């Protein structure tokens, strides 16, 4: 299974997604709730894939996505806004529509790890 970077500003959603990932056999390599912490982890931590909330408070997670893309790390976005809310440059990335069931997360992770 994979180690996953999880970037989500809502603590309850972050805990829920972390629990689902663990239940699916993955490990959490790091968690962040804001842009600065997410950028630090994205550039320094070691992990196989990442799940990013599109909006981190008043900030977009797009700079984190760009850092991950430069490292060649596969990523998925999670959003309640739909695919239209994704940064233009990353519209081809997998997208999880909040709230999502564990089966959808499992399919998303399988796609990321192909």
PDB file of N, CA and C in Angstrom:
ATOM      1  N   UNK A   1       0.827  -1.187   0.000  1.00  0.00           N
ATOM      2  CA  UNK A   1       0.000   0.000   0.000  1.00  0.00           C
ATOM      3  C   UNK A   1       0.875   1.256   0.000  1.00  0.00           C
ATOM      4  N   UNK A   2       0.254   2.407   0.052  1.00  0.00           N
ATOM      5  CA  UNK A   2       0.969   3.670  -0.162  1.00  0.00           C
ATOM      6  C   UNK A   2       1.000   4.549   1.083  1.00  0.00           C
ATOM      7  N   UNK A   3       1.974   5.434   1.098  1.00  0.00           N
ATOM      8  CA  UNK A   3       1.990   6.496   2.101  1.00  0.00           C
ATOM      9  C   UNK A   3       1.406   7.743   1.425  1.00  0.00           C
ATOM     10  N   UNK A   4       0.561   8.447   2.164  1.00  0.00           N
ATOM     11  CA  UNK A   4      -0.233   9.526   1.572  1.00  0.00           C
ATOM     12  C   UNK A   4      -0.058  10.822   2.353  1.00  0.00           C
ATOM     13  N   UNK A   5       0.120  11.917   1.617  1.00  0.00           N
ATOM     14  CA  UNK A   5       0.105  13.258   2.194  1.00  0.00           C
ATOM     15  C   UNK A   5      -1.331  13.753   2.115  1.00  0.00           C
ATOM     16  N   UNK A   6      -1.859  14.224   3.231  1.00  0.00           N
ATOM     17  CA  UNK A   6      -3.250  14.664   3.302  1.00  0.00           C
ATOM     18  C   UNK A   6      -3.296  16.145   3.686  1.00  0.00           C
ATOM     19  N   UNK A   7      -3.827  16.967   2.791  1.00  0.00           N
ATOM     20  CA  UNK A   7      -3.940  18.406   3.022  1.00  0.00           C
ATOM     21  C   UNK A   7      -5.431  18.756   3.036  1.00  0.00           C
ATOM     22  N   UNK A   8      -5.931  19.137   4.197  1.00  0.00           N
ATOM     23  CA  UNK A   8      -7.366  19.438   4.376  1.00  0.00           C
ATOM     24  C   UNK A   8      -7.501  20.402   5.537  1.00  0.00           C
ATOM     25  N   UNK A   9      -8.209  21.514   5.330  1.00  0.00           N
ATOM     26  CA  UNK A   9      -8.305  22.523   6.389  1.00  0.00           C
ATOM     27  C   UNK A   9      -9.372  22.221   7.439  1.00  0.00           C
ATOM     28  N   UNK A  10     -10.324  21.369   7.141  1.00  0.00           N
ATOM     29  CA  UNK A  10     -11.362  21.015   8.111  1.00  0.00           C
ATOM     30  C   UNK A  10     -10.897  19.797   8.919  1.00  0.00           C
ATOM     31  N   UNK A  11     -10.698  19.983  10.217  1.00  0.00           N
ATOM     32  CA  UNK A  11     -10.134  18.926  11.062  1.00  0.00           C
ATOM     33  C   UNK A  11     -10.970  17.650  11.048  1.00  0.00           C
ATOM     34  N   UNK A  12     -12.287  17.775  11.088  1.00  0.00           N
ATOM     35  CA  UNK A  12     -13.133  16.581  11.097  1.00  0.00           C
ATOM     36  C   UNK A  12     -13.041  15.817   9.786  1.00  0.00           C
ATOM     37  N   UNK A  13     -13.048  16.528   8.674  1.00  0.00           N
ATOM     38  CA  UNK A  13     -12.913  15.868   7.372  1.00  0.00           C
ATOM     39  C   UNK A  13     -11.538  15.225   7.263  1.00  0.00           C
ATOM     40  N   UNK A  14     -10.495  15.928   7.705  1.00  0.00           N
ATOM     41  CA  UNK A  14      -9.132  15.384   7.662  1.00  0.00           C
ATOM     42  C   UNK A  14      -9.043  14.089   8.459  1.00  0.00           C
ATOM     43  N   UNK A  15      -9.623  14.068   9.654  1.00  0.00           N
ATOM     44  CA  UNK A  15      -9.596  12.850  10.474  1.00  0.00           C
ATOM     45  C   UNK A  15     -10.368  11.729   9.800  1.00  0.00           C
ATOM     46  N   UNK A  16     -11.517  12.044   9.211  1.00  0.00           N
ATOM     47  CA  UNK A  16     -12.331  11.034   8.541  1.00  0.00           C
ATOM     48  C   UNK A  16     -11.582  10.432   7.349  1.00  0.00           C
ATOM     49  N   UNK A  17     -10.981  11.277   6.520  1.00  0.00           N
ATOM     50  CA  UNK A  17     -10.256  10.784   5.351  1.00  0.00           C
ATOM     51  C   UNK A  17      -9.033   9.976   5.790  1.00  0.00           C
ATOM     52  N   UNK A  18      -8.332  10.445   6.816  1.00  0.00           N
ATOM     53  CA  UNK A  18      -7.181   9.695   7.337  1.00  0.00           C
ATOM     54  C   UNK A  18      -7.621   8.319   7.819  1.00  0.00           C
ATOM     55  N   UNK A  19      -8.739   8.247   8.526  1.00  0.00           N
ATOM     56  CA  UNK A  19      -9.260   6.954   8.992  1.00  0.00           C
ATOM     57  C   UNK A  19      -9.604   6.048   7.818  1.00  0.00           C
ATOM     58  N   UNK A  20     -10.238   6.608   6.782  1.00  0.00           N
ATOM     59  CA  UNK A  20     -10.588   5.804   5.606  1.00  0.00           C
ATOM     60  C   UNK A  20      -9.331   5.286   4.907  1.00  0.00           C
ATOM     61  N   UNK A  21      -8.327   6.149   4.756  1.00  0.00           N
ATOM     62  CA  UNK A  21      -7.079   5.722   4.116  1.00  0.00           C
ATOM     63  C   UNK A  21      -6.422   4.596   4.910  1.00  0.00           C
ATOM     64  N   UNK A  22      -6.411   4.733   6.223  1.00  0.00           N
ATOM     65  CA  UNK A  22      -5.832   3.697   7.083  1.00  0.00           C
ATOM     66  C   UNK A  22      -6.610   2.393   6.949  1.00  0.00           C
ATOM     67  N   UNK A  23      -7.932   2.499   6.915  1.00  0.00           N
ATOM     68  CA  UNK A  23      -8.775   1.316   6.748  1.00  0.00           C
ATOM     69  C   UNK A  23      -8.493   0.615   5.412  1.00  0.00           C
ATOM     70  N   UNK A  24      -8.120   1.386   4.410  1.00  0.00           N
ATOM     71  CA  UNK A  24      -7.787   0.822   3.095  1.00  0.00           C
ATOM     72  C   UNK A  24      -6.361   0.276   3.041  1.00  0.00           C
ATOM     73  N   UNK A  25      -5.618   0.404   4.145  1.00  0.00           N
ATOM     74  CA  UNK A  25      -4.274  -0.152   4.217  1.00  0.00           C
ATOM     75  C   UNK A  25      -3.153   0.821   3.932  1.00  0.00           C
ATOM     76  N   UNK A  26      -3.474   2.084   3.733  1.00  0.00           N
ATOM     77  CA  UNK A  26      -2.453   3.099   3.470  1.00  0.00           C
ATOM     78  C   UNK A  26      -1.969   3.708   4.786  1.00  0.00           C
ATOM     79  N   UNK A  27      -0.842   4.386   4.723  1.00  0.00           N
ATOM     80  CA  UNK A  27      -0.337   5.113   5.884  1.00  0.00           C
ATOM     81  C   UNK A  27      -0.378   6.605   5.572  1.00  0.00           C
ATOM     82  N   UNK A  28      -0.493   7.403   6.616  1.00  0.00           N
ATOM     83  CA  UNK A  28      -0.507   8.855   6.464  1.00  0.00           C
ATOM     84  C   UNK A  28       0.924   9.351   6.687  1.00  0.00           C
ATOM     85  N   UNK A  29       1.519   9.887   5.638  1.00  0.00           N
ATOM     86  CA  UNK A  29       2.903  10.369   5.708  1.00  0.00           C
ATOM     87  C   UNK A  29       2.980  11.748   6.346  1.00  0.00           C
ATOM     88  N   UNK A  30       1.880  12.499   6.275  1.00  0.00           N
ATOM     89  CA  UNK A  30       1.841  13.831   6.844  1.00  0.00           C
ATOM     90  C   UNK A  30       0.475  14.446   6.619  1.00  0.00           C
ATOM     91  N   UNK A  31       0.136  15.383   7.487  1.00  0.00           N
ATOM     92  CA  UNK A  31      -1.143  16.098   7.389  1.00  0.00           C
ATOM     93  C   UNK A  31      -0.880  17.585   7.580  1.00  0.00           C
ATOM     94  N   UNK A  32      -1.639  18.391   6.849  1.00  0.00           N
ATOM     95  CA  UNK A  32      -1.554  19.832   7.017  1.00  0.00           C
ATOM     96  C   UNK A  32      -2.934  20.432   6.800  1.00  0.00           C
ATOM     97  N   UNK A  33      -3.141  21.586   7.441  1.00  0.00           N
ATOM     98  CA  UNK A  33      -4.433  22.256   7.366  1.00  0.00           C
ATOM     99  C   UNK A  33      -4.355  23.618   6.690  1.00  0.00           C
ATOM    100  N   UNK A  34      -3.138  24.050   6.339  1.00  0.00           N
ATOM    101  CA  UNK A  34      -2.990  25.374   5.741  1.00  0.00           C
ATOM    102  C   UNK A  34      -1.933  25.353   4.646  1.00  0.00           C
ATOM    103  N   UNK A  35      -1.906  26.414   3.865  1.00  0.00           N
ATOM    104  CA  UNK A  35      -1.013  26.494   2.714  1.00  0.00           C
ATOM    105  C   UNK A  35       0.458  26.383   3.106  1.00  0.00           C
ATOM    106  N   UNK A  36       0.902  27.117   4.102  1.00  0.00           N
ATOM    107  CA  UNK A  36       2.322  27.118   4.479  1.00  0.00           C
ATOM    108  C   UNK A  36       2.779  25.733   4.931  1.00  0.00           C
ATOM    109  N   UNK A  37       2.017  25.099   5.806  1.00  0.00           N
ATOM    110  CA  UNK A  37       2.380  23.756   6.285  1.00  0.00           C
ATOM    111  C   UNK A  37       2.330  22.747   5.147  1.00  0.00           C
ATOM    112  N   UNK A  38       1.332  22.881   4.289  1.00  0.00           N
ATOM    113  CA  UNK A  38       1.210  21.979   3.150  1.00  0.00           C
ATOM    114  C   UNK A  38       2.378  22.095   2.185  1.00  0.00           C
ATOM    115  N   UNK A  39       2.808  23.328   1.922  1.00  0.00           N
ATOM    116  CA  UNK A  39       3.961  23.538   1.033  1.00  0.00           C
ATOM    117  C   UNK A  39       5.226  22.944   1.628  1.00  0.00           C
ATOM    118  N   UNK A  40       5.400  23.093   2.926  1.00  0.00           N
ATOM    119  CA  UNK A  40       6.578  22.536   3.595  1.00  0.00           C
ATOM    120  C   UNK A  40       6.596  21.020   3.458  1.00  0.00           C
ATOM    121  N   UNK A  41       5.473  20.378   3.772  1.00  0.00           N
ATOM    122  CA  UNK A  41       5.401  18.924   3.647  1.00  0.00           C
ATOM    123  C   UNK A  41       5.553  18.479   2.195  1.00  0.00           C
ATOM    124  N   UNK A  42       4.939  19.209   1.275  1.00  0.00           N
ATOM    125  CA  UNK A  42       4.995  18.839  -0.136  1.00  0.00           C
ATOM    126  C   UNK A  42       6.417  18.852  -0.679  1.00  0.00           C
ATOM    127  N   UNK A  43       7.258  19.700  -0.121  1.00  0.00           N
ATOM    128  CA  UNK A  43       8.627  19.795  -0.621  1.00  0.00           C
ATOM    129  C   UNK A  43       9.625  18.970   0.183  1.00  0.00           C
ATOM    130  N   UNK A  44       9.260  18.554   1.406  1.00  0.00           N
ATOM    131  CA  UNK A  44      10.233  17.872   2.264  1.00  0.00           C
ATOM    132  C   UNK A  44       9.886  16.433   2.606  1.00  0.00           C
ATOM    133  N   UNK A  45       8.609  16.112   2.767  1.00  0.00           N
ATOM    134  CA  UNK A  45       8.207  14.775   3.222  1.00  0.00           C
ATOM    135  C   UNK A  45       8.349  13.748   2.098  1.00  0.00           C
ATOM    136  N   UNK A  46       8.377  12.482   2.488  1.00  0.00           N
ATOM    137  CA  UNK A  46       8.449  11.382   1.535  1.00  0.00           C
ATOM    138  C   UNK A  46       7.118  10.645   1.576  1.00  0.00           C
ATOM    139  N   UNK A  47       6.488  10.503   0.403  1.00  0.00           N
ATOM    140  CA  UNK A  47       5.182   9.853   0.315  1.00  0.00           C
ATOM    141  C   UNK A  47       4.956   9.435  -1.128  1.00  0.00           C
ATOM    142  N   UNK A  48       3.943   8.605  -1.341  1.00  0.00           N
ATOM    143  CA  UNK A  48       3.663   8.053  -2.669  1.00  0.00           C
ATOM    144  C   UNK A  48       2.591   8.808  -3.433  1.00  0.00           C
ATOM    145  N   UNK A  49       1.678   9.461  -2.720  1.00  0.00           N
ATOM    146  CA  UNK A  49       0.552  10.161  -3.349  1.00  0.00           C
ATOM    147  C   UNK A  49       0.045  11.220  -2.382  1.00  0.00           C
ATOM    148  N   UNK A  50      -0.786  12.116  -2.903  1.00  0.00           N
ATOM    149  CA  UNK A  50      -1.321  13.190  -2.062  1.00  0.00           C
ATOM    150  C   UNK A  50      -2.791  13.446  -2.395  1.00  0.00           C
ATOM    151  N   UNK A  51      -3.534  13.832  -1.357  1.00  0.00           N
ATOM    152  CA  UNK A  51      -4.914  14.272  -1.519  1.00  0.00           C
ATOM    153  C   UNK A  51      -4.987  15.696  -0.979  1.00  0.00           C
ATOM    154  N   UNK A  52      -5.445  16.611  -1.821  1.00  0.00           N
ATOM    155  CA  UNK A  52      -5.477  18.026  -1.469  1.00  0.00           C
ATOM    156  C   UNK A  52      -6.898  18.571  -1.495  1.00  0.00           C
ATOM    157  N   UNK A  53      -7.261  19.247  -0.423  1.00  0.00           N
ATOM    158  CA  UNK A  53      -8.480  20.051  -0.443  1.00  0.00           C
ATOM    159  C   UNK A  53      -8.190  21.208  -1.405  1.00  0.00           C
ATOM    160  N   UNK A  54      -9.126  21.537  -2.268  1.00  0.00           N
ATOM    161  CA  UNK A  54      -8.905  22.601  -3.247  1.00  0.00           C
ATOM    162  C   UNK A  54      -8.724  23.952  -2.563  1.00  0.00           C
ATOM    163  N   UNK A  55      -9.532  24.206  -1.541  1.00  0.00           N
ATOM    164  CA  UNK A  55      -9.510  25.503  -0.871  1.00  0.00           C
ATOM    165  C   UNK A  55      -9.078  25.325   0.578  1.00  0.00           C
ATOM    166  N   UNK A  56      -8.004  25.999   0.971  1.00  0.00           N
ATOM    167  CA  UNK A  56      -7.493  25.961   2.346  1.00  0.00           C
ATOM    168  C   UNK A  56      -7.749  27.325   2.970  1.00  0.00           C
ATOM    169  N   UNK A  57      -8.888  27.469   3.603  1.00  0.00           N
ATOM    170  CA  UNK A  57      -9.270  28.773   4.122  1.00  0.00           C
ATOM    171  C   UNK A  57      -9.413  29.748   2.965  1.00  0.00           C
ATOM    172  N   UNK A  58      -8.660  30.845   3.017  1.00  0.00           N
ATOM    173  CA  UNK A  58      -8.731  31.857   1.962  1.00  0.00           C
ATOM    174  C   UNK A  58      -7.778  31.571   0.808  1.00  0.00           C
ATOM    175  N   UNK A  59      -7.015  30.467   0.898  1.00  0.00           N
ATOM    176  CA  UNK A  59      -5.991  30.175  -0.103  1.00  0.00           C
ATOM    177  C   UNK A  59      -6.334  28.951  -0.942  1.00  0.00           C
ATOM    178  N   UNK A  60      -5.897  28.971  -2.167  1.00  0.00           N
ATOM    179  CA  UNK A  60      -5.999  27.810  -3.045  1.00  0.00           C
ATOM    180  C   UNK A  60      -4.833  26.866  -2.740  1.00  0.00           C
ATOM    181  N   UNK A  61      -5.045  25.576  -2.910  1.00  0.00           N
ATOM    182  CA  UNK A  61      -3.957  24.612  -2.721  1.00  0.00           C
ATOM    183  C   UNK A  61      -3.128  24.453  -3.998  1.00  0.00           C
ATOM    184  N   UNK A  62      -3.386  25.276  -5.007  1.00  0.00           N
ATOM    185  CA  UNK A  62      -2.659  25.165  -6.274  1.00  0.00           C
ATOM    186  C   UNK A  62      -1.136  25.227  -6.118  1.00  0.00           C
ATOM    187  N   UNK A  63      -0.562  26.091  -5.261  1.00  0.00           N
ATOM    188  CA  UNK A  63       0.899  26.075  -5.101  1.00  0.00           C
ATOM    189  C   UNK A  63       1.422  24.727  -4.577  1.00  0.00           C
ATOM    190  N   UNK A  64       0.647  24.072  -3.737  1.00  0.00           N
ATOM    191  CA  UNK A  64       1.039  22.747  -3.242  1.00  0.00           C
ATOM    192  C   UNK A  64       0.998  21.746  -4.393  1.00  0.00           C
ATOM    193  N   UNK A  65      -0.067  21.813  -5.199  1.00  0.00           N
ATOM    194  CA  UNK A  65      -0.182  20.919  -6.358  1.00  0.00           C
ATOM    195  C   UNK A  65       0.998  21.108  -7.306  1.00  0.00           C
ATOM    196  N   UNK A  66       1.405  22.349  -7.522  1.00  0.00           N
ATOM    197  CA  UNK A  66       2.545  22.619  -8.405  1.00  0.00           C
ATOM    198  C   UNK A  66       3.831  22.023  -7.838  1.00  0.00           C
ATOM    199  N   UNK A  67       4.035  22.149  -6.523  1.00  0.00           N
ATOM    200  CA  UNK A  67       5.225  21.574  -5.885  1.00  0.00           C
ATOM    201  C   UNK A  67       5.225  20.052  -6.019  1.00  0.00           C
ATOM    202  N   UNK A  68       4.058  19.440  -5.829  1.00  0.00           N
ATOM    203  CA  UNK A  68       3.952  17.984  -5.963  1.00  0.00           C
ATOM    204  C   UNK A  68       4.195  17.558  -7.406  1.00  0.00           C
ATOM    205  N   UNK A  69       3.643  18.307  -8.349  1.00  0.00           N
ATOM    206  CA  UNK A  69       3.810  18.002  -9.771  1.00  0.00           C
ATOM    207  C   UNK A  69       5.292  18.048 -10.155  1.00  0.00           C
ATOM    208  N   UNK A  70       6.015  19.040  -9.635  1.00  0.00           N
ATOM    209  CA  UNK A  70       7.455  19.146  -9.918  1.00  0.00           C
ATOM    210  C   UNK A  70       8.218  17.947  -9.384  1.00  0.00           C
ATOM    211  N   UNK A  71       7.735  17.353  -8.293  1.00  0.00           N
ATOM    212  CA  UNK A  71       8.384  16.170  -7.709  1.00  0.00           C
ATOM    213  C   UNK A  71       7.896  14.874  -8.353  1.00  0.00           C
ATOM    214  N   UNK A  72       6.899  14.970  -9.229  1.00  0.00           N
ATOM    215  CA  UNK A  72       6.374  13.779  -9.873  1.00  0.00           C
ATOM    216  C   UNK A  72       5.455  12.952  -8.994  1.00  0.00           C
ATOM    217  N   UNK A  73       4.867  13.581  -7.983  1.00  0.00           N
ATOM    218  CA  UNK A  73       3.976  12.883  -7.050  1.00  0.00           C
ATOM    219  C   UNK A  73       2.542  12.943  -7.580  1.00  0.00           C
ATOM    220  N   UNK A  74       1.882  11.778  -7.718  1.00  0.00           N
ATOM    221  CA  UNK A  74       0.488  11.798  -8.159  1.00  0.00           C
ATOM    222  C   UNK A  74      -0.409  12.402  -7.082  1.00  0.00           C
ATOM    223  N   UNK A  75      -1.409  13.171  -7.519  1.00  0.00           N
ATOM    224  CA  UNK A  75      -2.271  13.835  -6.551  1.00  0.00           C
ATOM    225  C   UNK A  75      -3.714  13.827  -7.015  1.00  0.00           C
ATOM    226  N   UNK A  76      -4.591  13.926  -6.037  1.00  0.00           N
ATOM    227  CA  UNK A  76      -6.025  14.055  -6.288  1.00  0.00           C
ATOM    228  C   UNK A  76      -6.517  15.242  -5.484  1.00  0.00           C
ATOM    229  N   UNK A  77      -7.554  15.878  -5.987  1.00  0.00           N
ATOM    230  CA  UNK A  77      -8.182  16.975  -5.266  1.00  0.00           C
ATOM    231  C   UNK A  77      -9.481  16.496  -4.635  1.00  0.00           C
ATOM    232  N   UNK A  78      -9.801  17.052  -3.490  1.00  0.00           N
ATOM    233  CA  UNK A  78     -11.087  16.825  -2.837  1.00  0.00           C
ATOM    234  C   UNK A  78     -11.774  18.185  -2.744  1.00  0.00           C
ATOM    235  N   UNK A  79     -13.038  18.218  -3.139  1.00  0.00           N
ATOM    236  CA  UNK A  79     -13.733  19.495  -3.150  1.00  0.00           C
ATOM    237  C   UNK A  79     -15.231  19.299  -3.093  1.00  0.00           C
ATOM    238  N   UNK A  80     -15.899  20.239  -2.489  1.00  0.00           N
ATOM    239  CA  UNK A  80     -17.343  20.255  -2.517  1.00  0.00           C
ATOM    240  C   UNK A  80     -17.871  21.075  -3.679  1.00  0.00           C
ATOM    241  N   UNK A  81     -16.974  21.680  -4.458  1.00  0.00           N
ATOM    242  CA  UNK A  81     -17.362  22.591  -5.539  1.00  0.00           C
ATOM    243  C   UNK A  81     -17.488  21.922  -6.900  1.00  0.00           C
ATOM    244  N   UNK A  82     -17.094  20.666  -7.017  1.00  0.00           N
ATOM    245  CA  UNK A  82     -17.136  19.998  -8.309  1.00  0.00           C
ATOM    246  C   UNK A  82     -15.866  20.239  -9.101  1.00  0.00           C
ATOM    247  N   UNK A  83     -15.747  19.567 -10.224  1.00  0.00           N
ATOM    248  CA  UNK A  83     -14.539  19.642 -11.047  1.00  0.00           C
ATOM    249  C   UNK A  83     -14.267  21.053 -11.557  1.00  0.00           C
ATOM    250  N   UNK A  84     -15.321  21.876 -11.704  1.00  0.00           N
ATOM    251  CA  UNK A  84     -15.126  23.242 -12.186  1.00  0.00           C
ATOM    252  C   UNK A  84     -14.288  24.063 -11.210  1.00  0.00           C
ATOM    253  N   UNK A  85     -14.258  23.672  -9.949  1.00  0.00           N
ATOM    254  CA  UNK A  85     -13.509  24.405  -8.941  1.00  0.00           C
ATOM    255  C   UNK A  85     -12.029  24.078  -8.914  1.00  0.00           C
ATOM    256  N   UNK A  86     -11.610  23.096  -9.717  1.00  0.00           N
ATOM    257  CA  UNK A  86     -10.195  22.717  -9.730  1.00  0.00           C
ATOM    258  C   UNK A  86      -9.372  23.759 -10.479  1.00  0.00           C
ATOM    259  N   UNK A  87      -8.112  23.945 -10.054  1.00  0.00           N
ATOM    260  CA  UNK A  87      -7.241  24.848 -10.813  1.00  0.00           C
ATOM    261  C   UNK A  87      -7.145  24.372 -12.262  1.00  0.00           C
ATOM    262  N   UNK A  88      -7.199  25.288 -13.202  1.00  0.00           N
ATOM    263  CA  UNK A  88      -7.209  24.973 -14.638  1.00  0.00           C
ATOM    264  C   UNK A  88      -6.104  23.988 -15.021  1.00  0.00           C
ATOM    265  N   UNK A  89      -4.911  24.225 -14.525  1.00  0.00           N
ATOM    266  CA  UNK A  89      -3.743  23.414 -14.866  1.00  0.00           C
ATOM    267  C   UNK A  89      -3.884  21.958 -14.394  1.00  0.00           C
ATOM    268  N   UNK A  90      -4.761  21.716 -13.423  1.00  0.00           N
ATOM    269  CA  UNK A  90      -4.863  20.388 -12.816  1.00  0.00           C
ATOM    270  C   UNK A  90      -6.228  19.732 -13.024  1.00  0.00           C
ATOM    271  N   UNK A  91      -6.953  20.168 -14.042  1.00  0.00           N
ATOM    272  CA  UNK A  91      -8.292  19.613 -14.291  1.00  0.00           C
ATOM    273  C   UNK A  91      -8.259  18.146 -14.699  1.00  0.00           C
ATOM    274  N   UNK A  92      -7.079  17.656 -15.114  1.00  0.00           N
ATOM    275  CA  UNK A  92      -6.967  16.247 -15.504  1.00  0.00           C
ATOM    276  C   UNK A  92      -6.659  15.338 -14.312  1.00  0.00           C
ATOM    277  N   UNK A  93      -6.430  15.914 -13.146  1.00  0.00           N
ATOM    278  CA  UNK A  93      -6.156  15.123 -11.954  1.00  0.00           C
ATOM    279  C   UNK A  93      -7.448  14.482 -11.435  1.00  0.00           C
ATOM    280  N   UNK A  94      -7.315  13.336 -10.765  1.00  0.00           N
ATOM    281  CA  UNK A  94      -8.505  12.753 -10.140  1.00  0.00           C
ATOM    282  C   UNK A  94      -9.136  13.736  -9.154  1.00  0.00           C
ATOM    283  N   UNK A  95     -10.438  13.621  -8.996  1.00  0.00           N
ATOM    284  CA  UNK A  95     -11.189  14.541  -8.153  1.00  0.00           C
ATOM    285  C   UNK A  95     -12.182  13.762  -7.304  1.00  0.00           C
ATOM    286  N   UNK A  96     -12.177  14.022  -6.017  1.00  0.00           N
ATOM    287  CA  UNK A  96     -13.141  13.442  -5.092  1.00  0.00           C
ATOM    288  C   UNK A  96     -14.168  14.508  -4.748  1.00  0.00           C
ATOM    289  N   UNK A  97     -15.436  14.232  -4.984  1.00  0.00           N
ATOM    290  CA  UNK A  97     -16.514  15.166  -4.675  1.00  0.00           C
ATOM    291  C   UNK A  97     -16.947  14.944  -3.222  1.00  0.00           C
ATOM    292  N   UNK A  98     -16.729  15.949  -2.368  1.00  0.00           N
ATOM    293  CA  UNK A  98     -17.126  15.830  -0.957  1.00  0.00           C
ATOM    294  C   UNK A  98     -18.640  15.924  -0.816  1.00  0.00           C
ATOM    295  N   UNK A  99     -19.226  15.166   0.075  1.00  0.00           N
ATOM    296  CA  UNK A  99     -18.621  14.073   0.847  1.00  0.00           C
ATOM    297  C   UNK A  99     -18.514  12.832  -0.031  1.00  0.00           C
ATOM    298  N   UNK A 100     -17.488  12.023   0.178  1.00  0.00           N
ATOM    299  CA  UNK A 100     -17.293  10.839  -0.650  1.00  0.00           C
ATOM    300  C   UNK A 100     -17.205   9.589   0.227  1.00  0.00           C
ATOM    301  N   UNK A 101     -17.719   8.462  -0.295  1.00  0.00           N
ATOM    302  CA  UNK A 101     -17.645   7.205   0.442  1.00  0.00           C
ATOM    303  C   UNK A 101     -16.260   6.569   0.310  1.00  0.00           C
ATOM    304  N   UNK A 102     -15.971   5.622   1.155  1.00  0.00           N
ATOM    305  CA  UNK A 102     -14.667   4.952   1.145  1.00  0.00           C
ATOM    306  C   UNK A 102     -14.410   4.254  -0.187  1.00  0.00           C
ATOM    307  N   UNK A 103     -15.461   3.767  -0.835  1.00  0.00           N
ATOM    308  CA  UNK A 103     -15.283   3.086  -2.132  1.00  0.00           C
ATOM    309  C   UNK A 103     -14.761   4.044  -3.195  1.00  0.00           C
ATOM    310  N   UNK A 104     -15.229   5.275  -3.159  1.00  0.00           N
ATOM    311  CA  UNK A 104     -14.743   6.273  -4.109  1.00  0.00           C
ATOM    312  C   UNK A 104     -13.282   6.618  -3.821  1.00  0.00           C
ATOM    313  N   UNK A 105     -12.932   6.725  -2.548  1.00  0.00           N
ATOM    314  CA  UNK A 105     -11.542   6.986  -2.164  1.00  0.00           C
ATOM    315  C   UNK A 105     -10.655   5.825  -2.612  1.00  0.00           C
ATOM    316  N   UNK A 106     -11.139   4.610  -2.467  1.00  0.00           N
ATOM    317  CA  UNK A 106     -10.380   3.428  -2.875  1.00  0.00           C
ATOM    318  C   UNK A 106     -10.108   3.456  -4.385  1.00  0.00           C
ATOM    319  N   UNK A 107     -11.123   3.781  -5.183  1.00  0.00           N
ATOM    320  CA  UNK A 107     -10.950   3.883  -6.639  1.00  0.00           C
ATOM    321  C   UNK A 107      -9.956   4.996  -6.990  1.00  0.00           C
ATOM    322  N   UNK A 108     -10.063   6.106  -6.298  1.00  0.00           N
ATOM    323  CA  UNK A 108      -9.169   7.232  -6.535  1.00  0.00           C
ATOM    324  C   UNK A 108      -7.711   6.843  -6.238  1.00  0.00           C
ATOM    325  N   UNK A 109      -7.501   6.197  -5.113  1.00  0.00           N
ATOM    326  CA  UNK A 109      -6.142   5.782  -4.745  1.00  0.00           C
ATOM    327  C   UNK A 109      -5.579   4.781  -5.766  1.00  0.00           C
ATOM    328  N   UNK A 110      -6.431   3.864  -6.228  1.00  0.00           N
ATOM    329  CA  UNK A 110      -5.985   2.894  -7.235  1.00  0.00           C
ATOM    330  C   UNK A 110      -5.537   3.619  -8.497  1.00  0.00           C
ATOM    331  N   UNK A 111      -6.291   4.647  -8.908  1.00  0.00           N
ATOM    332  CA  UNK A 111      -5.929   5.422 -10.089  1.00  0.00           C
ATOM    333  C   UNK A 111      -4.614   6.168  -9.878  1.00  0.00           C
ATOM    334  N   UNK A 112      -4.419   6.734  -8.699  1.00  0.00           N
ATOM    335  CA  UNK A 112      -3.187   7.468  -8.412  1.00  0.00           C
ATOM    336  C   UNK A 112      -1.962   6.565  -8.427  1.00  0.00           C
ATOM    337  N   UNK A 113      -2.119   5.336  -7.999  1.00  0.00           N
ATOM    338  CA  UNK A 113      -0.987   4.440  -7.812  1.00  0.00           C
ATOM    339  C   UNK A 113      -0.707   3.558  -9.026  1.00  0.00           C
ATOM    340  N   UNK A 114      -1.459   3.718 -10.104  1.00  0.00           N
ATOM    341  CA  UNK A 114      -1.220   2.922 -11.327  1.00  0.00           C
ATOM    342  C   UNK A 114       0.116   3.221 -11.928  1.00  0.00           C
TER     343      UNK A 114
END
